[in-house]
Amino acid sequence: MIELEVYARGLRDLNKILELDLQLEPIAGLHYKIDTNHDLVYFEFDRPALSLREIRAIFLKLGLEPLFIGAIPPELRPRTKTERLTA
């Protein structure tokens, strides 16, 4: 189980909650709970279905600035690795 907590100021607005639900509902293996009193979203993944960039893009699309709280699970970090350039 992969867990992630996201703070997004302005999430208390019912329209934002409904829009977020429409974005997250089709993602398989994702469970989430919205705490409207504190503008928090608690995510639980059965497997890494999204990256941090994708989660961030969903919130930005709704006009919300996401702040990730706590340790970021390594499974959600970007999957690209840098390569050393040779001359």
PDB file of N, CA and C in Angstrom:
ATOM      1  N   MET A   1       0.854  -1.175   0.000  1.00  0.00           N
ATOM      2  CA  MET A   1       0.000   0.000   0.000  1.00  0.00           C
ATOM      3  C   MET A   1       0.899   1.237   0.000  1.00  0.00           C
ATOM      4  N   ILE A   2       0.645   2.139  -0.911  1.00  0.00           N
ATOM      5  CA  ILE A   2       1.378   3.400  -1.017  1.00  0.00           C
ATOM      6  C   ILE A   2       0.453   4.505  -0.530  1.00  0.00           C
ATOM      7  N   GLU A   3       0.954   5.354   0.371  1.00  0.00           N
ATOM      8  CA  GLU A   3       0.141   6.434   0.933  1.00  0.00           C
ATOM      9  C   GLU A   3       0.787   7.779   0.649  1.00  0.00           C
ATOM     10  N   LEU A   4      -0.066   8.771   0.404  1.00  0.00           N
ATOM     11  CA  LEU A   4       0.399  10.127   0.126  1.00  0.00           C
ATOM     12  C   LEU A   4      -0.638  11.107   0.648  1.00  0.00           C
ATOM     13  N   GLU A   5      -0.154  12.208   1.199  1.00  0.00           N
ATOM     14  CA  GLU A   5      -1.043  13.246   1.719  1.00  0.00           C
ATOM     15  C   GLU A   5      -0.742  14.547   0.978  1.00  0.00           C
ATOM     16  N   VAL A   6      -1.806  15.214   0.513  1.00  0.00           N
ATOM     17  CA  VAL A   6      -1.654  16.444  -0.266  1.00  0.00           C
ATOM     18  C   VAL A   6      -2.523  17.543   0.337  1.00  0.00           C
ATOM     19  N   TYR A   7      -1.908  18.718   0.541  1.00  0.00           N
ATOM     20  CA  TYR A   7      -2.642  19.904   0.976  1.00  0.00           C
ATOM     21  C   TYR A   7      -2.882  20.769  -0.253  1.00  0.00           C
ATOM     22  N   ALA A   8      -4.117  21.241  -0.417  1.00  0.00           N
ATOM     23  CA  ALA A   8      -4.449  22.117  -1.543  1.00  0.00           C
ATOM     24  C   ALA A   8      -5.423  23.183  -1.049  1.00  0.00           C
ATOM     25  N   ARG A   9      -4.907  24.385  -0.798  1.00  0.00           N
ATOM     26  CA  ARG A   9      -5.756  25.472  -0.324  1.00  0.00           C
ATOM     27  C   ARG A   9      -6.864  25.746  -1.333  1.00  0.00           C
ATOM     28  N   GLY A  10      -8.087  25.861  -0.838  1.00  0.00           N
ATOM     29  CA  GLY A  10      -9.233  26.119  -1.703  1.00  0.00           C
ATOM     30  C   GLY A  10     -10.047  24.877  -2.012  1.00  0.00           C
ATOM     31  N   LEU A  11      -9.615  23.750  -1.494  1.00  0.00           N
ATOM     32  CA  LEU A  11     -10.302  22.491  -1.768  1.00  0.00           C
ATOM     33  C   LEU A  11     -11.650  22.395  -1.068  1.00  0.00           C
ATOM     34  N   ARG A  12     -11.936  23.308  -0.167  1.00  0.00           N
ATOM     35  CA  ARG A  12     -13.212  23.279   0.558  1.00  0.00           C
ATOM     36  C   ARG A  12     -14.395  23.603  -0.346  1.00  0.00           C
ATOM     37  N   ASP A  13     -14.136  24.234  -1.472  1.00  0.00           N
ATOM     38  CA  ASP A  13     -15.189  24.596  -2.426  1.00  0.00           C
ATOM     39  C   ASP A  13     -15.803  23.325  -3.021  1.00  0.00           C
ATOM     40  N   LEU A  14     -17.114  23.199  -2.928  1.00  0.00           N
ATOM     41  CA  LEU A  14     -17.810  21.998  -3.396  1.00  0.00           C
ATOM     42  C   LEU A  14     -17.543  21.724  -4.874  1.00  0.00           C
ATOM     43  N   ASN A  15     -17.464  22.760  -5.685  1.00  0.00           N
ATOM     44  CA  ASN A  15     -17.194  22.568  -7.116  1.00  0.00           C
ATOM     45  C   ASN A  15     -15.817  21.958  -7.348  1.00  0.00           C
ATOM     46  N   LYS A  16     -14.827  22.386  -6.563  1.00  0.00           N
ATOM     47  CA  LYS A  16     -13.470  21.831  -6.684  1.00  0.00           C
ATOM     48  C   LYS A  16     -13.462  20.361  -6.282  1.00  0.00           C
ATOM     49  N   ILE A  17     -14.214  20.031  -5.232  1.00  0.00           N
ATOM     50  CA  ILE A  17     -14.288  18.641  -4.774  1.00  0.00           C
ATOM     51  C   ILE A  17     -14.905  17.767  -5.861  1.00  0.00           C
ATOM     52  N   LEU A  18     -15.985  18.242  -6.467  1.00  0.00           N
ATOM     53  CA  LEU A  18     -16.644  17.470  -7.523  1.00  0.00           C
ATOM     54  C   LEU A  18     -15.746  17.309  -8.747  1.00  0.00           C
ATOM     55  N   GLU A  19     -15.029  18.375  -9.115  1.00  0.00           N
ATOM     56  CA  GLU A  19     -14.108  18.301 -10.248  1.00  0.00           C
ATOM     57  C   GLU A  19     -12.976  17.320  -9.960  1.00  0.00           C
ATOM     58  N   LEU A  20     -12.445  17.369  -8.737  1.00  0.00           N
ATOM     59  CA  LEU A  20     -11.372  16.452  -8.358  1.00  0.00           C
ATOM     60  C   LEU A  20     -11.867  15.007  -8.405  1.00  0.00           C
ATOM     61  N   ASP A  21     -13.071  14.783  -7.927  1.00  0.00           N
ATOM     62  CA  ASP A  21     -13.650  13.443  -7.960  1.00  0.00           C
ATOM     63  C   ASP A  21     -13.763  12.929  -9.394  1.00  0.00           C
ATOM     64  N   LEU A  22     -14.169  13.787 -10.319  1.00  0.00           N
ATOM     65  CA  LEU A  22     -14.268  13.391 -11.729  1.00  0.00           C
ATOM     66  C   LEU A  22     -12.907  13.016 -12.305  1.00  0.00           C
ATOM     67  N   GLN A  23     -11.850  13.702 -11.864  1.00  0.00           N
ATOM     68  CA  GLN A  23     -10.503  13.420 -12.355  1.00  0.00           C
ATOM     69  C   GLN A  23      -9.933  12.124 -11.773  1.00  0.00           C
ATOM     70  N   LEU A  24     -10.246  11.851 -10.504  1.00  0.00           N
ATOM     71  CA  LEU A  24      -9.627  10.718  -9.815  1.00  0.00           C
ATOM     72  C   LEU A  24     -10.409   9.414  -9.935  1.00  0.00           C
ATOM     73  N   GLU A  25     -11.711   9.516 -10.154  1.00  0.00           N
ATOM     74  CA  GLU A  25     -12.567   8.320 -10.178  1.00  0.00           C
ATOM     75  C   GLU A  25     -12.117   7.248 -11.169  1.00  0.00           C
ATOM     76  N   PRO A  26     -11.710   7.592 -12.397  1.00  0.00           N
ATOM     77  CA  PRO A  26     -11.363   6.538 -13.360  1.00  0.00           C
ATOM     78  C   PRO A  26     -10.020   5.843 -13.110  1.00  0.00           C
ATOM     79  N   ILE A  27      -9.234   6.288 -12.149  1.00  0.00           N
ATOM     80  CA  ILE A  27      -7.906   5.717 -11.921  1.00  0.00           C
ATOM     81  C   ILE A  27      -8.034   4.434 -11.099  1.00  0.00           C
ATOM     82  N   ALA A  28      -7.667   3.324 -11.712  1.00  0.00           N
ATOM     83  CA  ALA A  28      -7.788   2.014 -11.055  1.00  0.00           C
ATOM     84  C   ALA A  28      -6.788   1.887  -9.909  1.00  0.00           C
ATOM     85  N   GLY A  29      -7.228   1.288  -8.820  1.00  0.00           N
ATOM     86  CA  GLY A  29      -6.350   1.031  -7.680  1.00  0.00           C
ATOM     87  C   GLY A  29      -6.103   2.230  -6.793  1.00  0.00           C
ATOM     88  N   LEU A  30      -6.813   3.327  -7.028  1.00  0.00           N
ATOM     89  CA  LEU A  30      -6.632   4.544  -6.235  1.00  0.00           C
ATOM     90  C   LEU A  30      -7.813   4.720  -5.291  1.00  0.00           C
ATOM     91  N   HIS A  31      -7.497   4.926  -4.021  1.00  0.00           N
ATOM     92  CA  HIS A  31      -8.506   5.241  -3.013  1.00  0.00           C
ATOM     93  C   HIS A  31      -8.101   6.577  -2.409  1.00  0.00           C
ATOM     94  N   TYR A  32      -9.072   7.423  -2.128  1.00  0.00           N
ATOM     95  CA  TYR A  32      -8.739   8.722  -1.558  1.00  0.00           C
ATOM     96  C   TYR A  32      -9.852   9.198  -0.649  1.00  0.00           C
ATOM     97  N   LYS A  33      -9.477  10.083   0.246  1.00  0.00           N
ATOM     98  CA  LYS A  33     -10.423  10.690   1.180  1.00  0.00           C
ATOM     99  C   LYS A  33     -10.101  12.175   1.219  1.00  0.00           C
ATOM    100  N   ILE A  34     -11.136  12.997   1.142  1.00  0.00           N
ATOM    101  CA  ILE A  34     -10.954  14.447   1.166  1.00  0.00           C
ATOM    102  C   ILE A  34     -11.386  14.977   2.525  1.00  0.00           C
ATOM    103  N   ASP A  35     -10.486  15.705   3.178  1.00  0.00           N
ATOM    104  CA  ASP A  35     -10.767  16.357   4.459  1.00  0.00           C
ATOM    105  C   ASP A  35     -11.008  17.832   4.156  1.00  0.00           C
ATOM    106  N   THR A  36     -12.275  18.216   4.016  1.00  0.00           N
ATOM    107  CA  THR A  36     -12.605  19.588   3.626  1.00  0.00           C
ATOM    108  C   THR A  36     -12.341  20.591   4.736  1.00  0.00           C
ATOM    109  N   ASN A  37     -12.289  20.152   5.982  1.00  0.00           N
ATOM    110  CA  ASN A  37     -11.998  21.077   7.080  1.00  0.00           C
ATOM    111  C   ASN A  37     -10.563  21.580   7.030  1.00  0.00           C
ATOM    112  N   HIS A  38      -9.661  20.789   6.448  1.00  0.00           N
ATOM    113  CA  HIS A  38      -8.243  21.143   6.432  1.00  0.00           C
ATOM    114  C   HIS A  38      -7.649  21.212   5.026  1.00  0.00           C
ATOM    115  N   ASP A  39      -8.477  21.117   3.980  1.00  0.00           N
ATOM    116  CA  ASP A  39      -8.018  21.172   2.582  1.00  0.00           C
ATOM    117  C   ASP A  39      -6.994  20.079   2.270  1.00  0.00           C
ATOM    118  N   LEU A  40      -7.226  18.880   2.777  1.00  0.00           N
ATOM    119  CA  LEU A  40      -6.300  17.764   2.584  1.00  0.00           C
ATOM    120  C   LEU A  40      -6.944  16.648   1.769  1.00  0.00           C
ATOM    121  N   VAL A  41      -6.095  15.947   1.020  1.00  0.00           N
ATOM    122  CA  VAL A  41      -6.517  14.735   0.329  1.00  0.00           C
ATOM    123  C   VAL A  41      -5.551  13.632   0.743  1.00  0.00           C
ATOM    124  N   TYR A  42      -6.099  12.527   1.216  1.00  0.00           N
ATOM    125  CA  TYR A  42      -5.313  11.358   1.593  1.00  0.00           C
ATOM    126  C   TYR A  42      -5.447  10.331   0.474  1.00  0.00           C
ATOM    127  N   PHE A  43      -4.331   9.965  -0.123  1.00  0.00           N
ATOM    128  CA  PHE A  43      -4.325   8.994  -1.210  1.00  0.00           C
ATOM    129  C   PHE A  43      -3.787   7.657  -0.718  1.00  0.00           C
ATOM    130  N   GLU A  44      -4.376   6.572  -1.221  1.00  0.00           N
ATOM    131  CA  GLU A  44      -3.849   5.224  -1.029  1.00  0.00           C
ATOM    132  C   GLU A  44      -3.860   4.538  -2.391  1.00  0.00           C
ATOM    133  N   PHE A  45      -2.707   3.994  -2.760  1.00  0.00           N
ATOM    134  CA  PHE A  45      -2.561   3.301  -4.036  1.00  0.00           C
ATOM    135  C   PHE A  45      -2.293   1.824  -3.780  1.00  0.00           C
ATOM    136  N   ASP A  46      -2.948   0.952  -4.536  1.00  0.00           N
ATOM    137  CA  ASP A  46      -2.603  -0.466  -4.497  1.00  0.00           C
ATOM    138  C   ASP A  46      -1.274  -0.689  -5.212  1.00  0.00           C
ATOM    139  N   ARG A  47      -1.055   0.094  -6.250  1.00  0.00           N
ATOM    140  CA  ARG A  47       0.183   0.065  -7.029  1.00  0.00           C
ATOM    141  C   ARG A  47       0.406   1.489  -7.533  1.00  0.00           C
ATOM    142  N   PRO A  48       1.623   1.841  -7.902  1.00  0.00           N
ATOM    143  CA  PRO A  48       1.862   3.218  -8.367  1.00  0.00           C
ATOM    144  C   PRO A  48       1.184   3.496  -9.706  1.00  0.00           C
ATOM    145  N   ALA A  49      -0.024   4.031  -9.655  1.00  0.00           N
ATOM    146  CA  ALA A  49      -0.801   4.310 -10.863  1.00  0.00           C
ATOM    147  C   ALA A  49      -0.508   5.700 -11.421  1.00  0.00           C
ATOM    148  N   LEU A  50      -0.007   6.593 -10.589  1.00  0.00           N
ATOM    149  CA  LEU A  50       0.298   7.971 -10.987  1.00  0.00           C
ATOM    150  C   LEU A  50       1.672   8.365 -10.470  1.00  0.00           C
ATOM    151  N   SER A  51       2.295   9.315 -11.148  1.00  0.00           N
ATOM    152  CA  SER A  51       3.536   9.899 -10.642  1.00  0.00           C
ATOM    153  C   SER A  51       3.191  11.205  -9.925  1.00  0.00           C
ATOM    154  N   LEU A  52       4.157  11.766  -9.228  1.00  0.00           N
ATOM    155  CA  LEU A  52       3.933  13.060  -8.567  1.00  0.00           C
ATOM    156  C   LEU A  52       3.562  14.136  -9.579  1.00  0.00           C
ATOM    157  N   ARG A  53       4.202  14.104 -10.731  1.00  0.00           N
ATOM    158  CA  ARG A  53       3.901  15.098 -11.775  1.00  0.00           C
ATOM    159  C   ARG A  53       2.448  15.003 -12.229  1.00  0.00           C
ATOM    160  N   GLU A  54       1.958  13.786 -12.378  1.00  0.00           N
ATOM    161  CA  GLU A  54       0.574  13.597 -12.815  1.00  0.00           C
ATOM    162  C   GLU A  54      -0.413  14.055 -11.744  1.00  0.00           C
ATOM    163  N   ILE A  55      -0.103  13.768 -10.490  1.00  0.00           N
ATOM    164  CA  ILE A  55      -0.958  14.228  -9.392  1.00  0.00           C
ATOM    165  C   ILE A  55      -0.963  15.747  -9.349  1.00  0.00           C
ATOM    166  N   ARG A  56       0.218  16.331  -9.459  1.00  0.00           N
ATOM    167  CA  ARG A  56       0.337  17.795  -9.453  1.00  0.00           C
ATOM    168  C   ARG A  56      -0.462  18.408 -10.606  1.00  0.00           C
ATOM    169  N   ALA A  57      -0.387  17.800 -11.785  1.00  0.00           N
ATOM    170  CA  ALA A  57      -1.097  18.314 -12.963  1.00  0.00           C
ATOM    171  C   ALA A  57      -2.610  18.289 -12.759  1.00  0.00           C
ATOM    172  N   ILE A  58      -3.118  17.261 -12.094  1.00  0.00           N
ATOM    173  CA  ILE A  58      -4.558  17.178 -11.826  1.00  0.00           C
ATOM    174  C   ILE A  58      -4.998  18.356 -10.965  1.00  0.00           C
ATOM    175  N   PHE A  59      -4.247  18.642  -9.909  1.00  0.00           N
ATOM    176  CA  PHE A  59      -4.600  19.750  -9.024  1.00  0.00           C
ATOM    177  C   PHE A  59      -4.461  21.094  -9.735  1.00  0.00           C
ATOM    178  N   LEU A  60      -3.380  21.277 -10.492  1.00  0.00           N
ATOM    179  CA  LEU A  60      -3.171  22.543 -11.197  1.00  0.00           C
ATOM    180  C   LEU A  60      -4.270  22.790 -12.225  1.00  0.00           C
ATOM    181  N   LYS A  61      -4.749  21.733 -12.864  1.00  0.00           N
ATOM    182  CA  LYS A  61      -5.834  21.852 -13.843  1.00  0.00           C
ATOM    183  C   LYS A  61      -7.097  22.417 -13.196  1.00  0.00           C
ATOM    184  N   LEU A  62      -7.268  22.149 -11.902  1.00  0.00           N
ATOM    185  CA  LEU A  62      -8.437  22.636 -11.166  1.00  0.00           C
ATOM    186  C   LEU A  62      -8.193  23.994 -10.514  1.00  0.00           C
ATOM    187  N   GLY A  63      -7.009  24.565 -10.741  1.00  0.00           N
ATOM    188  CA  GLY A  63      -6.688  25.858 -10.147  1.00  0.00           C
ATOM    189  C   GLY A  63      -6.241  25.759  -8.701  1.00  0.00           C
ATOM    190  N   LEU A  64      -5.767  24.588  -8.296  1.00  0.00           N
ATOM    191  CA  LEU A  64      -5.296  24.372  -6.929  1.00  0.00           C
ATOM    192  C   LEU A  64      -3.795  24.117  -6.945  1.00  0.00           C
ATOM    193  N   GLU A  65      -3.093  24.652  -5.953  1.00  0.00           N
ATOM    194  CA  GLU A  65      -1.649  24.443  -5.834  1.00  0.00           C
ATOM    195  C   GLU A  65      -1.402  23.347  -4.802  1.00  0.00           C
ATOM    196  N   PRO A  66      -0.993  22.144  -5.245  1.00  0.00           N
ATOM    197  CA  PRO A  66      -0.801  21.050  -4.297  1.00  0.00           C
ATOM    198  C   PRO A  66       0.530  21.146  -3.557  1.00  0.00           C
ATOM    199  N   LEU A  67       0.496  20.845  -2.273  1.00  0.00           N
ATOM    200  CA  LEU A  67       1.701  20.742  -1.457  1.00  0.00           C
ATOM    201  C   LEU A  67       1.722  19.330  -0.888  1.00  0.00           C
ATOM    202  N   PHE A  68       2.789  18.607  -1.159  1.00  0.00           N
ATOM    203  CA  PHE A  68       2.903  17.234  -0.687  1.00  0.00           C
ATOM    204  C   PHE A  68       3.438  17.243   0.738  1.00  0.00           C
ATOM    205  N   ILE A  69       2.761  16.515   1.617  1.00  0.00           N
ATOM    206  CA  ILE A  69       3.080  16.529   3.037  1.00  0.00           C
ATOM    207  C   ILE A  69       3.765  15.220   3.408  1.00  0.00           C
ATOM    208  N   GLY A  70       4.843  15.333   4.164  1.00  0.00           N
ATOM    209  CA  GLY A  70       5.550  14.140   4.627  1.00  0.00           C
ATOM    210  C   GLY A  70       6.478  13.574   3.568  1.00  0.00           C
ATOM    211  N   ALA A  71       6.938  12.362   3.832  1.00  0.00           N
ATOM    212  CA  ALA A  71       7.867  11.692   2.920  1.00  0.00           C
ATOM    213  C   ALA A  71       7.140  11.260   1.647  1.00  0.00           C
ATOM    214  N   ILE A  72       7.808  11.464   0.525  1.00  0.00           N
ATOM    215  CA  ILE A  72       7.255  11.054  -0.764  1.00  0.00           C
ATOM    216  C   ILE A  72       7.662   9.596  -1.005  1.00  0.00           C
ATOM    217  N   PRO A  73       6.704   8.716  -1.225  1.00  0.00           N
ATOM    218  CA  PRO A  73       7.051   7.316  -1.497  1.00  0.00           C
ATOM    219  C   PRO A  73       7.922   7.208  -2.750  1.00  0.00           C
ATOM    220  N   PRO A  74       8.979   6.409  -2.710  1.00  0.00           N
ATOM    221  CA  PRO A  74       9.874   6.303  -3.875  1.00  0.00           C
ATOM    222  C   PRO A  74       9.168   5.810  -5.135  1.00  0.00           C
ATOM    223  N   GLU A  75       8.083   5.057  -4.984  1.00  0.00           N
ATOM    224  CA  GLU A  75       7.349   4.551  -6.145  1.00  0.00           C
ATOM    225  C   GLU A  75       6.678   5.668  -6.940  1.00  0.00           C
ATOM    226  N   LEU A  76       6.483   6.827  -6.320  1.00  0.00           N
ATOM    227  CA  LEU A  76       5.810   7.940  -6.997  1.00  0.00           C
ATOM    228  C   LEU A  76       6.777   8.974  -7.556  1.00  0.00           C
ATOM    229  N   ARG A  77       8.043   8.812  -7.263  1.00  0.00           N
ATOM    230  CA  ARG A  77       9.038   9.760  -7.771  1.00  0.00           C
ATOM    231  C   ARG A  77       9.202   9.577  -9.278  1.00  0.00           C
ATOM    232  N   PRO A  78       9.730  10.606  -9.956  1.00  0.00           N
ATOM    233  CA  PRO A  78       9.924  10.495 -11.412  1.00  0.00           C
ATOM    234  C   PRO A  78      10.727   9.249 -11.773  1.00  0.00           C
ATOM    235  N   ARG A  79      10.337   8.619 -12.867  1.00  0.00           N
ATOM    236  CA  ARG A  79      10.953   7.355 -13.259  1.00  0.00           C
ATOM    237  C   ARG A  79      12.167   7.529 -14.167  1.00  0.00           C
ATOM    238  N   THR A  80      12.456   8.738 -14.571  1.00  0.00           N
ATOM    239  CA  THR A  80      13.590   8.951 -15.462  1.00  0.00           C
ATOM    240  C   THR A  80      14.863   9.092 -14.640  1.00  0.00           C
ATOM    241  N   LYS A  81      15.932   8.586 -15.171  1.00  0.00           N
ATOM    242  CA  LYS A  81      17.232   8.706 -14.519  1.00  0.00           C
ATOM    243  C   LYS A  81      18.129   9.529 -15.423  1.00  0.00           C
ATOM    244  N   THR A  82      18.991  10.297 -14.815  1.00  0.00           N
ATOM    245  CA  THR A  82      19.918  11.096 -15.605  1.00  0.00           C
ATOM    246  C   THR A  82      21.058  10.214 -16.087  1.00  0.00           C
ATOM    247  N   GLU A  83      21.572  10.559 -17.233  1.00  0.00           N
ATOM    248  CA  GLU A  83      22.696   9.826 -17.798  1.00  0.00           C
ATOM    249  C   GLU A  83      23.885  10.761 -17.896  1.00  0.00           C
ATOM    250  N   ARG A  84      25.042  10.214 -17.625  1.00  0.00           N
ATOM    251  CA  ARG A  84      26.271  10.992 -17.698  1.00  0.00           C
ATOM    252  C   ARG A  84      26.621  11.236 -19.166  1.00  0.00           C
ATOM    253  N   LEU A  85      26.911  12.485 -19.495  1.00  0.00           N
ATOM    254  CA  LEU A  85      27.311  12.830 -20.858  1.00  0.00           C
ATOM    255  C   LEU A  85      28.792  12.527 -21.042  1.00  0.00           C
ATOM    256  N   THR A  86      29.141  11.964 -22.164  1.00  0.00           N
ATOM    257  CA  THR A  86      30.549  11.699 -22.456  1.00  0.00           C
ATOM    258  C   THR A  86      30.990  12.611 -23.582  1.00  0.00           C
ATOM    259  N   ALA A  87      32.236  13.029 -23.500  1.00  0.00           N
ATOM    260  CA  ALA A  87      32.755  13.965 -24.500  1.00  0.00           C
ATOM    261  C   ALA A  87      33.294  13.266 -25.710  1.00  0.00           C
TER     262      ALA A  87
END
